[in-house]
N, C-alpha and C. Protein backbone atom coordinates (compact mmCIF):
# COMPACT_ATOMS: atom_id res chain seq x y z
N UNK A 1 -93.58 -92.68 43.99
CA UNK A 1 -94.38 -93.53 44.61
C UNK A 1 -92.72 -94.45 44.35
N UNK A 2 -91.75 -95.39 45.08
CA UNK A 2 -90.80 -96.00 45.21
C UNK A 2 -91.42 -97.28 44.27
N UNK A 3 -90.75 -97.89 43.41
CA UNK A 3 -90.91 -99.41 43.06
C UNK A 3 -91.26 -100.32 43.78
N UNK A 4 -91.96 -101.20 43.61
CA UNK A 4 -92.09 -102.02 44.25
C UNK A 4 -91.79 -103.66 44.03
N UNK A 5 -91.10 -104.22 45.11
CA UNK A 5 -90.22 -105.43 44.56
C UNK A 5 -90.91 -106.50 43.97
N UNK A 6 -90.60 -106.90 43.58
CA UNK A 6 -91.04 -108.44 42.01
C UNK A 6 -91.57 -109.11 43.23
N UNK A 7 -91.22 -109.49 44.23
CA UNK A 7 -91.52 -110.45 45.55
C UNK A 7 -91.91 -110.07 46.69
N UNK A 8 -92.71 -109.98 47.14
CA UNK A 8 -93.66 -109.74 48.52
C UNK A 8 -94.32 -110.23 48.70
N UNK A 9 -94.84 -110.73 49.68
CA UNK A 9 -95.97 -110.93 50.09
C UNK A 9 -97.03 -110.00 50.61
N UNK A 10 -98.48 -111.09 50.41
CA UNK A 10 -99.21 -110.12 50.24
C UNK A 10 -99.54 -109.25 50.95
N UNK A 11 -99.20 -109.30 52.40
CA UNK A 11 -99.63 -108.32 53.20
C UNK A 11 -98.35 -106.73 53.20
N UNK A 12 -97.11 -107.43 52.83
CA UNK A 12 -96.20 -106.12 52.86
C UNK A 12 -96.14 -105.33 51.23
N UNK A 13 -97.42 -106.61 50.40
CA UNK A 13 -98.01 -105.50 49.17
C UNK A 13 -98.58 -103.84 49.54
N UNK A 14 -99.70 -104.97 49.80
CA UNK A 14 -100.66 -103.74 50.62
C UNK A 14 -99.95 -102.52 51.28
N UNK A 15 -98.99 -102.88 52.73
CA UNK A 15 -98.73 -102.07 52.79
C UNK A 15 -97.67 -100.98 52.32
N UNK A 16 -97.02 -101.29 51.04
CA UNK A 16 -96.54 -100.27 49.85
C UNK A 16 -97.36 -99.05 49.19
N UNK A 17 -98.37 -99.60 49.08
CA UNK A 17 -99.80 -98.96 48.55
C UNK A 17 -99.46 -97.62 49.08
N UNK A 18 -100.33 -96.59 48.06
CA UNK A 18 -101.02 -95.20 48.58
C UNK A 18 -102.44 -95.08 49.07
N UNK A 19 -102.23 -95.03 50.58
CA UNK A 19 -102.85 -94.76 51.63
C UNK A 19 -104.09 -94.19 51.86
N UNK A 20 -105.10 -94.99 51.79
CA UNK A 20 -106.73 -95.00 51.48
C UNK A 20 -107.16 -95.34 49.90
N UNK A 21 -106.18 -95.85 49.06
CA UNK A 21 -106.68 -96.34 47.70
C UNK A 21 -106.77 -96.96 47.85
N UNK A 22 -108.41 -97.59 46.82
CA UNK A 22 -108.91 -98.78 46.78
C UNK A 22 -108.18 -99.38 45.45
N UNK A 23 -107.88 -100.74 45.34
CA UNK A 23 -107.62 -101.39 44.48
C UNK A 23 -107.88 -103.21 44.26
N UNK A 24 -109.01 -103.38 43.53
CA UNK A 24 -109.74 -104.38 44.08
C UNK A 24 -108.28 -105.71 43.54
N UNK A 25 -107.65 -105.68 42.56
CA UNK A 25 -106.51 -106.67 42.85
C UNK A 25 -105.78 -107.39 44.32
N UNK A 26 -105.70 -106.02 44.69
CA UNK A 26 -105.19 -106.18 46.00
C UNK A 26 -105.90 -106.50 47.32
N UNK A 27 -107.24 -106.64 47.27
CA UNK A 27 -108.27 -106.65 47.78
C UNK A 27 -108.71 -108.23 47.97
N UNK A 28 -108.41 -108.45 46.59
CA UNK A 28 -108.72 -110.01 46.36
C UNK A 28 -107.43 -110.78 46.62
N UNK A 29 -105.98 -110.49 46.68
CA UNK A 29 -105.10 -111.02 46.82
C UNK A 29 -105.41 -110.92 48.19
N UNK A 30 -105.62 -110.32 49.00
CA UNK A 30 -105.59 -110.07 50.72
C UNK A 30 -106.92 -111.03 50.67
N UNK A 31 -108.07 -110.90 50.60
CA UNK A 31 -108.79 -111.97 50.76
C UNK A 31 -108.51 -113.48 50.58
N UNK A 32 -107.72 -114.13 49.61
CA UNK A 32 -107.70 -114.97 49.43
C UNK A 32 -106.30 -115.34 50.32
N UNK A 33 -105.49 -114.85 50.52
CA UNK A 33 -104.52 -114.65 51.48
C UNK A 33 -104.92 -115.15 52.97
N UNK A 34 -105.93 -114.67 53.30
CA UNK A 34 -106.72 -114.62 54.47
C UNK A 34 -107.49 -116.02 54.55
N UNK A 35 -107.76 -116.05 53.32
CA UNK A 35 -108.64 -117.83 53.31
C UNK A 35 -107.84 -118.63 53.84
N UNK A 36 -106.41 -119.31 52.63
CA UNK A 36 -105.46 -119.39 53.30
C UNK A 36 -104.87 -119.08 54.58
N UNK A 37 -104.59 -118.73 54.94
CA UNK A 37 -104.03 -118.57 56.07
C UNK A 37 -105.35 -119.44 56.78
N UNK A 38 -106.44 -119.07 57.04
CA UNK A 38 -107.68 -120.04 58.16
C UNK A 38 -107.23 -121.37 57.69
N UNK A 39 -107.24 -121.63 56.46
CA UNK A 39 -107.23 -123.05 56.05
C UNK A 39 -105.87 -123.37 56.72
N UNK A 40 -104.77 -123.18 56.47
CA UNK A 40 -103.45 -123.42 56.92
C UNK A 40 -103.80 -124.12 58.44
N UNK A 41 -104.15 -122.83 59.37
CA UNK A 41 -104.40 -122.70 61.14
C UNK A 41 -104.96 -124.00 61.21
N UNK A 42 -106.28 -124.30 60.36
CA UNK A 42 -107.28 -125.07 60.53
C UNK A 42 -107.02 -126.68 60.34
N UNK A 43 -105.75 -126.98 59.26
CA UNK A 43 -105.22 -127.92 59.68
C UNK A 43 -104.19 -128.27 60.18
N UNK A 44 -103.39 -127.33 60.65
CA UNK A 44 -102.21 -128.04 61.34
C UNK A 44 -103.29 -128.13 62.88
N UNK A 45 -104.44 -127.23 63.32
CA UNK A 45 -105.22 -127.42 64.05
C UNK A 45 -105.68 -128.66 64.47
N UNK A 46 -105.87 -129.20 62.83
CA UNK A 46 -106.89 -131.19 63.01
C UNK A 46 -105.53 -131.81 63.26
N UNK A 47 -104.31 -131.70 62.63
CA UNK A 47 -103.48 -132.48 62.18
C UNK A 47 -102.63 -132.51 64.18
N UNK A 48 -102.51 -131.60 64.73
CA UNK A 48 -102.34 -132.02 66.02
C UNK A 48 -103.16 -132.18 66.88
N UNK A 49 -104.44 -132.42 67.03
CA UNK A 49 -105.90 -132.67 67.66
C UNK A 49 -105.90 -134.60 66.68
N UNK A 50 -105.69 -134.84 66.21
CA UNK A 50 -105.94 -136.11 65.34
C UNK A 50 -104.46 -137.21 66.00
N UNK A 51 -104.98 -138.29 66.12
CA UNK A 51 -104.18 -139.34 66.72
C UNK A 51 -103.22 -140.03 65.68
N UNK A 52 -102.27 -139.83 65.52
CA UNK A 52 -101.41 -140.68 64.78
C UNK A 52 -100.59 -141.45 65.35
N UNK A 53 -99.46 -142.51 64.47
CA UNK A 53 -98.79 -143.04 64.84
C UNK A 53 -97.00 -142.14 65.33
N UNK A 54 -96.21 -142.50 66.23
CA UNK A 54 -95.06 -141.47 66.06
C UNK A 54 -93.74 -142.42 66.42
N UNK A 55 -92.47 -142.13 65.93
CA UNK A 55 -91.99 -142.97 66.71
C UNK A 55 -90.63 -142.58 68.14
N UNK A 56 -90.69 -143.05 68.85
CA UNK A 56 -90.37 -142.97 70.06
C UNK A 56 -88.83 -142.86 70.07
N UNK A 57 -87.39 -142.33 70.05
CA UNK A 57 -86.46 -142.70 70.28
C UNK A 57 -86.11 -143.12 71.55
N UNK A 58 -85.79 -144.31 71.74
CA UNK A 58 -85.12 -144.09 73.05
C UNK A 58 -83.36 -144.76 73.29
N UNK A 59 -83.43 -144.46 74.67
CA UNK A 59 -82.28 -144.49 75.01
C UNK A 59 -81.89 -145.99 74.83
N UNK A 60 -80.69 -146.30 74.59
CA UNK A 60 -80.21 -148.05 74.59
C UNK A 60 -80.71 -148.76 75.70
N UNK A 61 -81.22 -149.80 74.37
CA UNK A 61 -81.88 -151.03 75.75
C UNK A 61 -82.86 -150.58 77.35
N UNK A 62 -83.68 -149.12 76.53
CA UNK A 62 -84.46 -148.98 77.10
C UNK A 62 -86.23 -149.06 76.52
N UNK A 63 -86.06 -149.55 75.39
CA UNK A 63 -87.19 -150.01 74.22
C UNK A 63 -88.39 -150.34 75.30
N UNK A 64 -88.15 -152.03 75.90
CA UNK A 64 -89.40 -152.19 76.53
C UNK A 64 -89.75 -151.39 77.97
N UNK A 65 -89.11 -150.65 78.69
CA UNK A 65 -89.25 -150.17 79.97
C UNK A 65 -90.08 -148.55 79.31
N UNK A 66 -89.50 -148.03 78.60
CA UNK A 66 -90.70 -146.90 77.57
C UNK A 66 -91.85 -147.87 77.38
N UNK A 67 -91.86 -148.33 76.47
CA UNK A 67 -93.15 -148.89 76.71
C UNK A 67 -93.79 -149.36 77.31
N UNK A 68 -93.50 -149.85 78.07
CA UNK A 68 -94.43 -150.32 79.51
C UNK A 68 -94.91 -149.03 80.46
N UNK A 69 -94.23 -147.73 80.18
CA UNK A 69 -94.27 -146.56 81.03
C UNK A 69 -95.33 -146.01 79.72
N UNK A 70 -95.45 -146.12 78.77
CA UNK A 70 -95.98 -145.49 77.63
C UNK A 70 -97.70 -145.85 77.92
N UNK A 71 -97.63 -147.44 78.36
CA UNK A 71 -99.10 -148.01 78.18
C UNK A 71 -99.89 -147.74 79.54
N UNK A 72 -98.50 -147.63 80.48
CA UNK A 72 -99.35 -147.52 82.03
C UNK A 72 -100.33 -146.08 82.06
N UNK A 73 -99.56 -144.95 80.81
CA UNK A 73 -100.15 -143.84 80.70
C UNK A 73 -101.59 -143.82 80.40
N UNK A 74 -101.68 -145.08 79.65
CA UNK A 74 -103.04 -144.98 78.72
C UNK A 74 -102.91 -144.80 77.31
N UNK A 75 -101.07 -144.93 76.60
CA UNK A 75 -100.94 -144.27 75.64
C UNK A 75 -100.71 -145.39 74.65
N UNK A 76 -101.84 -145.81 73.40
CA UNK A 76 -101.51 -147.34 72.68
C UNK A 76 -99.74 -147.23 72.01
N UNK A 77 -99.55 -148.16 72.15
CA UNK A 77 -98.07 -148.37 72.65
C UNK A 77 -97.80 -149.69 71.19
N UNK A 78 -97.24 -149.45 70.57
CA UNK A 78 -96.65 -150.79 69.75
C UNK A 78 -94.93 -150.93 69.86
N UNK A 79 -94.50 -152.02 70.42
CA UNK A 79 -93.07 -152.02 70.44
C UNK A 79 -93.23 -153.58 69.79
N UNK A 80 -93.13 -153.70 68.49
CA UNK A 80 -92.73 -155.04 67.93
C UNK A 80 -91.46 -155.91 68.73
N UNK A 81 -91.45 -157.21 68.73
CA UNK A 81 -90.45 -158.09 69.12
C UNK A 81 -90.27 -159.20 67.95
N UNK A 82 -89.28 -160.09 68.20
CA UNK A 82 -88.87 -160.88 67.55
C UNK A 82 -87.94 -161.90 68.68
N UNK A 83 -87.72 -163.23 68.50
CA UNK A 83 -87.65 -164.43 69.27
C UNK A 83 -86.08 -164.41 68.45
N UNK A 84 -85.38 -164.62 69.91
CA UNK A 84 -83.96 -165.24 69.12
C UNK A 84 -83.41 -165.96 70.35
N UNK A 85 -82.15 -167.01 69.43
CA UNK A 85 -81.58 -167.58 70.85
C UNK A 85 -79.98 -166.93 71.48
N UNK A 86 -80.11 -166.67 72.47
CA UNK A 86 -78.40 -166.01 72.82
C UNK A 86 -77.94 -166.70 73.65
N UNK A 87 -76.48 -166.83 73.86
CA UNK A 87 -75.68 -168.00 74.65
C UNK A 87 -75.15 -167.06 75.87
N UNK A 88 -75.11 -167.56 76.92
CA UNK A 88 -75.07 -166.72 77.82
C UNK A 88 -73.90 -168.08 78.94
N UNK A 89 -73.62 -167.13 79.83
CA UNK A 89 -72.71 -168.28 80.36
C UNK A 89 -73.28 -169.91 81.43
N UNK A 90 -75.05 -169.73 81.46
CA UNK A 90 -75.49 -170.85 82.40
C UNK A 90 -76.64 -170.85 80.54
N UNK A 91 -75.69 -171.14 79.87
CA UNK A 91 -76.50 -171.58 78.58
C UNK A 91 -77.15 -171.03 77.52
N UNK A 92 -78.00 -171.66 76.68
CA UNK A 92 -78.69 -171.00 75.49
C UNK A 92 -80.01 -170.34 75.94
N UNK A 93 -80.56 -169.09 75.83
CA UNK A 93 -81.41 -168.87 76.24
C UNK A 93 -82.47 -167.94 75.22
N UNK A 94 -83.92 -168.09 75.40
CA UNK A 94 -84.94 -167.65 73.74
C UNK A 94 -85.24 -166.29 74.47
N UNK A 95 -84.66 -165.56 73.52
CA UNK A 95 -84.78 -164.08 74.39
C UNK A 95 -86.19 -162.94 73.24
N UNK A 96 -87.00 -161.77 73.88
CA UNK A 96 -87.41 -161.44 73.04
C UNK A 96 -86.78 -160.17 73.14
N UNK A 97 -86.53 -159.45 71.73
CA UNK A 97 -85.92 -158.44 71.55
C UNK A 97 -86.32 -157.85 70.53
N UNK A 98 -86.47 -156.08 70.57
CA UNK A 98 -86.77 -155.55 69.63
C UNK A 98 -86.61 -155.67 68.58
N UNK A 99 -87.60 -155.79 67.44
CA UNK A 99 -87.47 -155.63 65.98
C UNK A 99 -87.06 -154.10 65.51
N UNK A 100 -87.04 -152.99 65.89
CA UNK A 100 -86.01 -152.28 65.77
C UNK A 100 -85.32 -151.21 67.02
N UNK A 101 -84.49 -151.60 67.15
CA UNK A 101 -83.46 -151.45 68.55
C UNK A 101 -83.21 -149.73 68.73
N UNK A 102 -83.93 -149.27 69.56
CA UNK A 102 -84.30 -148.02 69.99
C UNK A 102 -84.89 -147.48 69.36
N UNK A 103 -86.18 -147.75 69.32
CA UNK A 103 -87.26 -147.14 69.27
C UNK A 103 -88.49 -147.93 69.67
N UNK A 104 -89.83 -147.51 69.88
CA UNK A 104 -91.16 -147.54 70.69
C UNK A 104 -92.31 -146.38 69.56
N UNK A 105 -93.12 -147.37 69.37
CA UNK A 105 -93.97 -146.74 68.57
C UNK A 105 -95.32 -146.00 69.55
N UNK A 106 -95.89 -144.66 69.08
CA UNK A 106 -97.08 -144.69 70.09
C UNK A 106 -97.82 -143.77 69.44
N UNK A 107 -99.31 -144.01 69.78
CA UNK A 107 -99.91 -143.40 69.14
C UNK A 107 -100.87 -142.44 69.82
N UNK A 108 -101.03 -140.74 69.50
CA UNK A 108 -101.07 -140.01 70.14
C UNK A 108 -101.41 -139.01 69.34
N UNK A 109 -102.39 -138.27 70.13
CA UNK A 109 -102.19 -136.77 69.54
C UNK A 109 -100.96 -135.46 69.66
N UNK A 110 -100.56 -135.10 68.30
CA UNK A 110 -99.34 -134.01 68.52
C UNK A 110 -99.68 -133.05 69.88
N UNK A 111 -100.68 -132.81 70.10
CA UNK A 111 -101.20 -131.86 70.87
C UNK A 111 -100.52 -132.29 72.24
N UNK A 112 -100.82 -133.79 72.11
CA UNK A 112 -100.57 -134.08 73.46
C UNK A 112 -98.85 -135.48 73.67
N UNK A 113 -98.63 -134.43 73.20
CA UNK A 113 -96.99 -135.23 73.04
C UNK A 113 -96.01 -135.08 74.22
N UNK A 114 -96.77 -133.88 75.16
CA UNK A 114 -95.54 -133.63 76.33
C UNK A 114 -95.56 -135.06 77.28
N UNK A 115 -96.53 -136.24 77.79
CA UNK A 115 -96.14 -136.96 78.51
C UNK A 115 -95.55 -137.80 77.83
N UNK A 116 -95.35 -138.16 76.40
CA UNK A 116 -94.52 -138.78 75.35
C UNK A 116 -92.94 -138.90 76.15
N UNK A 117 -92.68 -137.30 75.71
CA UNK A 117 -91.68 -136.58 76.16
C UNK A 117 -91.14 -136.71 77.09
N UNK A 118 -91.86 -136.69 78.41
CA UNK A 118 -91.04 -137.10 79.89
C UNK A 118 -91.27 -138.89 80.36
N UNK A 119 -91.59 -139.52 79.74
CA UNK A 119 -91.32 -140.69 80.07
C UNK A 119 -89.46 -140.71 79.90
N UNK A 120 -89.35 -141.15 81.24
CA UNK A 120 -88.01 -141.65 81.36
C UNK A 120 -87.28 -142.43 80.75
N UNK A 121 -86.30 -142.40 79.74
CA UNK A 121 -85.73 -143.25 78.34
C UNK A 121 -86.17 -143.04 76.96
N UNK A 122 -87.08 -141.90 76.90
CA UNK A 122 -87.56 -141.32 75.78
C UNK A 122 -86.66 -140.66 75.08
N UNK A 123 -86.02 -140.01 74.53
CA UNK A 123 -84.95 -139.01 73.85
C UNK A 123 -85.13 -138.49 73.11
N UNK A 124 -86.23 -138.06 72.46
CA UNK A 124 -87.21 -137.29 71.51
C UNK A 124 -88.04 -138.00 70.52
N UNK A 125 -88.60 -137.77 70.05
CA UNK A 125 -90.13 -138.27 68.98
C UNK A 125 -89.38 -137.54 67.45
N UNK A 126 -89.46 -138.65 66.56
CA UNK A 126 -88.28 -138.77 65.30
C UNK A 126 -89.53 -137.63 64.40
N UNK A 127 -89.06 -136.95 63.82
CA UNK A 127 -89.25 -135.81 62.72
C UNK A 127 -88.43 -135.25 62.33
N UNK A 128 -88.75 -133.70 61.68
CA UNK A 128 -87.99 -133.28 60.60
C UNK A 128 -87.86 -131.93 61.13
N UNK A 129 -86.37 -130.88 61.58
CA UNK A 129 -86.51 -129.60 61.58
C UNK A 129 -87.29 -128.88 63.18
N UNK A 130 -86.96 -130.32 64.06
CA UNK A 130 -88.07 -130.04 65.44
C UNK A 130 -88.91 -130.42 65.82
N UNK A 131 -89.73 -131.05 64.60
CA UNK A 131 -91.22 -131.40 64.70
C UNK A 131 -91.76 -132.90 63.99
N UNK A 132 -92.23 -133.26 65.50
CA UNK A 132 -92.43 -134.68 65.28
C UNK A 132 -93.28 -134.92 63.92
N UNK A 133 -92.84 -136.19 63.25
CA UNK A 133 -93.46 -136.71 61.57
C UNK A 133 -94.49 -138.18 62.33
N UNK A 134 -95.52 -137.96 61.49
CA UNK A 134 -96.12 -139.37 61.93
C UNK A 134 -96.13 -140.06 61.20
N UNK A 135 -95.79 -141.58 61.06
CA UNK A 135 -95.69 -142.64 60.69
C UNK A 135 -97.18 -143.15 60.08
N UNK A 136 -97.21 -143.34 58.17
CA UNK A 136 -98.59 -143.68 57.97
C UNK A 136 -99.02 -144.95 58.63
N UNK A 137 -100.51 -145.28 58.41
CA UNK A 137 -101.20 -146.29 59.42
C UNK A 137 -100.36 -147.38 59.43
N UNK A 138 -100.46 -147.56 58.00
CA UNK A 138 -100.66 -148.92 57.31
C UNK A 138 -99.14 -149.78 57.58
N UNK A 139 -98.32 -148.63 57.56
CA UNK A 139 -97.30 -148.97 58.23
C UNK A 139 -96.71 -149.81 59.31
N UNK A 140 -97.36 -149.02 60.63
CA UNK A 140 -97.76 -149.73 61.71
C UNK A 140 -98.83 -150.74 62.02
N UNK A 141 -99.51 -150.76 61.35
CA UNK A 141 -100.88 -151.33 61.59
C UNK A 141 -101.08 -152.81 60.99
N UNK A 142 -100.18 -152.66 59.59
CA UNK A 142 -99.91 -154.31 58.95
C UNK A 142 -98.55 -154.70 59.88
N UNK A 143 -97.98 -154.42 59.81
CA UNK A 143 -96.87 -154.78 61.15
C UNK A 143 -97.34 -155.61 61.85
N UNK A 144 -98.29 -154.75 62.59
CA UNK A 144 -98.68 -155.42 63.99
C UNK A 144 -99.27 -156.54 63.95
N UNK A 145 -100.54 -156.46 62.86
CA UNK A 145 -101.34 -157.49 62.62
C UNK A 145 -100.44 -158.97 62.10
N UNK A 146 -99.68 -158.74 61.63
CA UNK A 146 -98.81 -159.62 60.95
C UNK A 146 -97.97 -160.31 62.23
N UNK A 147 -97.77 -159.71 63.30
CA UNK A 147 -96.59 -160.66 63.93
C UNK A 147 -97.57 -161.08 64.97
N UNK A 148 -98.69 -161.04 65.39
CA UNK A 148 -99.97 -160.99 66.06
C UNK A 148 -100.34 -161.98 65.02
N UNK A 149 -100.70 -162.06 63.64
CA UNK A 149 -100.84 -163.74 63.28
C UNK A 149 -99.63 -164.96 63.67
N UNK A 150 -98.56 -164.15 63.74
CA UNK A 150 -97.55 -165.20 63.68
C UNK A 150 -96.64 -165.40 62.08
N UNK A 151 -96.49 -164.22 61.78
CA UNK A 151 -95.60 -164.27 60.45
C UNK A 151 -94.15 -163.96 61.56
N UNK A 152 -93.31 -164.66 60.74
CA UNK A 152 -92.22 -164.60 61.71
C UNK A 152 -91.03 -163.47 60.79
N UNK A 153 -90.62 -162.33 61.21
CA UNK A 153 -90.11 -161.71 61.14
C UNK A 153 -88.05 -161.21 62.04
N UNK A 154 -87.43 -160.69 61.19
CA UNK A 154 -86.59 -160.48 61.87
C UNK A 154 -85.61 -159.29 61.26
N UNK A 155 -84.72 -158.25 62.39
CA UNK A 155 -84.04 -157.49 61.86
C UNK A 155 -83.15 -157.51 60.72
N UNK A 156 -83.46 -156.39 59.82
CA UNK A 156 -82.78 -156.61 58.70
C UNK A 156 -81.67 -154.40 58.60
N UNK A 157 -80.55 -155.18 57.55
CA UNK A 157 -80.09 -153.94 57.21
C UNK A 157 -80.74 -152.96 56.22
N UNK A 158 -81.35 -151.77 56.50
CA UNK A 158 -82.46 -150.43 55.84
C UNK A 158 -81.80 -151.16 54.40
N UNK A 159 -82.70 -151.37 53.23
CA UNK A 159 -82.49 -151.39 52.14
C UNK A 159 -83.53 -150.02 50.90
N UNK A 160 -82.70 -149.77 50.17
CA UNK A 160 -83.68 -148.59 49.51
C UNK A 160 -83.76 -149.02 48.03
N UNK A 161 -82.76 -149.84 47.52
CA UNK A 161 -82.99 -150.61 46.27
C UNK A 161 -82.96 -151.90 46.50
N UNK A 162 -83.54 -152.38 44.99
CA UNK A 162 -83.85 -154.16 45.09
C UNK A 162 -85.27 -153.95 44.43
N UNK A 163 -85.10 -155.51 43.58
CA UNK A 163 -86.53 -155.63 43.04
C UNK A 163 -87.55 -155.70 44.18
N UNK A 164 -88.93 -154.72 43.93
CA UNK A 164 -89.75 -154.24 44.37
C UNK A 164 -90.65 -155.07 44.21
N UNK A 165 -91.42 -155.42 45.56
CA UNK A 165 -92.54 -156.36 45.02
C UNK A 165 -93.89 -155.76 46.10
N UNK A 166 -94.84 -156.38 45.33
CA UNK A 166 -96.20 -156.03 46.75
C UNK A 166 -96.73 -157.57 46.81
N UNK A 167 -96.91 -157.59 48.49
CA UNK A 167 -97.91 -158.60 49.08
C UNK A 167 -99.23 -158.34 48.80
N UNK A 168 -100.02 -159.70 48.29
CA UNK A 168 -101.35 -159.55 47.59
C UNK A 168 -101.70 -160.41 48.19
N UNK A 169 -101.49 -161.16 49.62
CA UNK A 169 -102.23 -161.90 50.44
C UNK A 169 -101.66 -161.78 52.11
N UNK A 170 -102.33 -161.75 52.99
CA UNK A 170 -102.02 -162.42 54.41
C UNK A 170 -102.55 -160.77 55.31
N UNK A 171 -101.93 -160.92 56.43
CA UNK A 171 -102.03 -159.89 57.04
C UNK A 171 -101.17 -158.37 56.30
N UNK A 172 -100.12 -158.66 55.54
CA UNK A 172 -99.46 -157.83 54.98
C UNK A 172 -99.73 -157.30 53.66
N UNK A 173 -100.97 -157.35 53.44
CA UNK A 173 -101.69 -157.43 51.28
C UNK A 173 -101.26 -155.79 51.71
N UNK A 174 -101.19 -155.77 50.63
CA UNK A 174 -100.61 -154.06 50.02
C UNK A 174 -99.29 -153.77 50.03
N UNK A 175 -98.62 -154.27 51.70
CA UNK A 175 -97.11 -153.59 51.24
C UNK A 175 -96.31 -153.93 50.74
N UNK A 176 -95.66 -152.97 50.51
CA UNK A 176 -94.72 -153.22 49.36
C UNK A 176 -93.17 -153.16 50.05
N UNK A 177 -92.08 -153.96 49.30
CA UNK A 177 -91.40 -153.65 49.99
C UNK A 177 -90.01 -154.67 48.82
N UNK A 178 -89.03 -155.22 49.11
CA UNK A 178 -87.64 -155.82 48.32
C UNK A 178 -87.97 -157.02 48.53
N UNK A 179 -87.32 -157.77 47.52
CA UNK A 179 -87.78 -159.33 47.22
C UNK A 179 -86.37 -159.86 47.65
N UNK A 180 -86.02 -160.85 48.72
CA UNK A 180 -84.60 -161.33 49.11
C UNK A 180 -84.75 -162.91 49.50
N UNK A 181 -84.21 -163.42 49.08
CA UNK A 181 -84.16 -164.72 48.69
C UNK A 181 -82.69 -165.01 49.68
N UNK A 182 -83.50 -166.65 50.39
CA UNK A 182 -82.39 -167.10 51.73
C UNK A 182 -82.77 -168.47 51.63
N UNK A 183 -82.17 -168.94 51.73
CA UNK A 183 -82.09 -170.85 51.58
C UNK A 183 -83.23 -171.31 50.45
N UNK A 184 -82.97 -170.82 49.34
CA UNK A 184 -84.54 -171.09 48.59
C UNK A 184 -85.79 -170.46 49.24
N UNK A 185 -85.61 -169.20 50.20
CA UNK A 185 -87.29 -169.44 49.98
C UNK A 185 -87.35 -167.55 50.25
N UNK A 186 -88.59 -167.58 49.75
CA UNK A 186 -88.70 -165.47 49.59
C UNK A 186 -88.98 -165.07 50.59
N UNK A 187 -88.22 -163.74 50.65
CA UNK A 187 -88.62 -162.73 52.11
C UNK A 187 -88.83 -162.03 51.59
N UNK A 188 -89.39 -160.43 52.14
CA UNK A 188 -89.27 -159.83 51.93
C UNK A 188 -89.33 -158.63 52.83
N UNK A 189 -88.11 -157.80 52.51
CA UNK A 189 -87.55 -156.78 53.38
C UNK A 189 -88.88 -155.36 53.58
N UNK A 190 -89.37 -155.03 54.53
CA UNK A 190 -90.31 -153.86 54.77
C UNK A 190 -89.98 -153.29 55.62
N UNK A 191 -89.91 -151.64 55.39
CA UNK A 191 -89.08 -150.60 55.67
C UNK A 191 -90.10 -149.27 56.54
N UNK A 192 -89.92 -148.83 57.46
CA UNK A 192 -90.00 -147.99 57.78
C UNK A 192 -89.39 -146.34 57.83
N UNK A 193 -89.74 -146.13 56.42
CA UNK A 193 -88.49 -144.85 55.67
C UNK A 193 -88.47 -143.78 56.90
N UNK A 194 -88.77 -143.33 57.87
CA UNK A 194 -88.35 -142.04 58.79
C UNK A 194 -87.63 -142.69 59.52
N UNK A 195 -87.14 -143.73 60.53
CA UNK A 195 -86.78 -144.57 61.07
C UNK A 195 -85.35 -145.02 60.49
N UNK A 196 -85.10 -145.11 59.08
CA UNK A 196 -84.22 -146.00 58.30
C UNK A 196 -84.13 -147.49 58.92
N UNK A 197 -85.29 -147.68 59.13
CA UNK A 197 -84.82 -149.13 59.53
C UNK A 197 -86.05 -150.21 59.23
N UNK A 198 -85.20 -151.51 58.73
CA UNK A 198 -85.85 -152.95 58.20
C UNK A 198 -86.49 -153.56 59.11
N UNK A 199 -87.18 -154.63 58.44
CA UNK A 199 -87.51 -155.99 59.12
C UNK A 199 -87.63 -157.19 57.88
N UNK A 200 -86.71 -158.13 57.85
CA UNK A 200 -87.15 -159.45 57.13
C UNK A 200 -88.39 -160.02 57.74
N UNK A 201 -89.09 -160.68 56.59
CA UNK A 201 -90.19 -161.41 57.01
C UNK A 201 -90.84 -162.59 56.04
N UNK A 202 -91.18 -163.57 56.16
CA UNK A 202 -91.27 -164.41 55.38
C UNK A 202 -92.86 -164.25 54.74
N UNK A 203 -92.70 -164.27 53.72
CA UNK A 203 -94.04 -164.00 52.56
C UNK A 203 -93.91 -165.68 51.43
N UNK A 204 -95.10 -166.12 51.69
CA UNK A 204 -95.35 -167.30 50.37
C UNK A 204 -94.78 -166.31 48.87
N UNK A 205 -94.51 -166.91 48.32
CA UNK A 205 -93.94 -166.63 47.14
C UNK A 205 -95.38 -166.46 45.96
N UNK A 206 -96.26 -167.28 46.35
CA UNK A 206 -97.78 -167.05 45.87
C UNK A 206 -98.42 -166.13 45.77
N UNK A 207 -97.72 -164.79 47.26
CA UNK A 207 -98.40 -164.12 47.41
C UNK A 207 -97.76 -163.13 47.24
N UNK A 208 -96.80 -162.66 45.73
CA UNK A 208 -96.38 -161.51 45.27
C UNK A 208 -96.27 -161.18 44.29
N UNK A 209 -96.31 -159.97 43.65
CA UNK A 209 -96.21 -159.93 42.83
C UNK A 209 -95.37 -158.44 42.22
N UNK A 210 -94.96 -158.01 41.46
CA UNK A 210 -93.73 -156.89 40.72
C UNK A 210 -94.14 -155.66 41.32
N UNK A 211 -94.23 -154.83 42.17
CA UNK A 211 -94.71 -153.87 42.34
C UNK A 211 -94.55 -152.53 41.34
């Protein structure tokens, strides 16, 4: 019998044994592999059927229309906006713009992603190797609650380094970010790493601690 390679899968290892021979070690390995396979499929099935937050990458300036169409389909949607003044030919105007240009957030089960992808203006769902990746619930829910409570926020360049702090009070309690100061006011940069975008939020200095 030829020598068995040192690195083979359980299935190929068993296939190379002498036909009809019984080996308890092999049988045990086969059973373990089968159990792991069943557990993996069960986990994948749960992941596909569980509603999670995903980031939809949209065409330029299509964020609001995408969010509206998602809502019309009965899909839970979150499009964070901020107020800013824009100068036009007929004067200054207060407008609502997306905090994360080019992105809208939707909560759905991965198995039900097709209706989302069919929405005009949606380019893709953000993820890795062609598979959409879910965003941690607290990253979306805490920001949504903060904006609903009137916390001031604005876009900010994505940061990965700096003095990290933890927010200890308010709708963003528990969130960690990077401390910056503007005009003597403490502000925190919160990031959604999956889309590499950040927002700057006003936070009381008394509500911060080193992370």
